[in-house]
């Protein structure tokens, strides 16, 4: 930057929407997640 009075230009970023709001997951989410981990470990 040539001029010290100018601030850097910031990019505008579109925020991605999360799958679930924070602390608002389905009740069976830990069970399903555990099932997926067991499947991945067993299939290696």
Protein backbone atom coordinates (compact mmCIF):
# COMPACT_ATOMS: atom_id res chain seq x y z
CA UNK A 1 0.00 0.00 0.00
CA UNK A 2 1.35 3.33 -0.97
CA UNK A 3 -0.81 5.51 1.21
CA UNK A 4 -0.77 4.89 5.00
CA UNK A 5 -4.24 6.43 5.42
CA UNK A 6 -5.94 3.63 3.50
CA UNK A 7 -7.07 0.54 5.32
CA UNK A 8 -6.84 -2.89 3.66
CA UNK A 9 -9.87 -4.01 1.72
CA UNK A 10 -11.60 -6.93 3.37
CA UNK A 11 -13.38 -9.59 1.36
CA UNK A 12 -17.02 -10.18 2.09
CA UNK A 13 -17.52 -13.87 2.81
CA UNK A 14 -20.87 -15.59 2.75
CA UNK A 15 -21.14 -17.64 5.90
CA UNK A 16 -22.05 -21.28 5.48
CA UNK A 17 -25.07 -22.57 7.35
CA UNK A 18 -24.29 -25.32 9.84
CA UNK A 19 -26.15 -28.62 9.68
CA UNK A 20 -27.51 -28.19 13.21
CA UNK A 21 -27.65 -25.09 15.38
CA UNK A 22 -25.15 -25.26 18.23
CA UNK A 23 -26.30 -27.64 20.99
CA UNK A 24 -29.43 -28.56 19.03
CA UNK A 25 -28.57 -31.99 17.56
CA UNK A 26 -31.01 -34.87 17.17
CA UNK A 27 -31.27 -37.06 20.27
CA UNK A 28 -29.94 -40.15 18.46
CA UNK A 29 -26.94 -38.31 16.99
CA UNK A 30 -24.34 -39.81 19.42
CA UNK A 31 -25.66 -43.31 18.69
CA UNK A 32 -25.51 -42.81 14.92
CA UNK A 33 -22.08 -41.23 15.17
CA UNK A 34 -20.82 -44.15 17.26
CA UNK A 35 -22.23 -46.61 14.74
CA UNK A 36 -20.34 -44.90 11.94
CA UNK A 37 -17.07 -44.97 13.90
CA UNK A 38 -17.48 -48.67 14.72
CA UNK A 39 -18.22 -49.38 11.05
CA UNK A 40 -15.13 -47.45 9.92
CA UNK A 41 -12.88 -49.21 12.44
CA UNK A 42 -14.29 -52.65 11.59
CA UNK A 43 -13.96 -52.18 7.83
CA UNK A 44 -10.25 -51.32 7.90
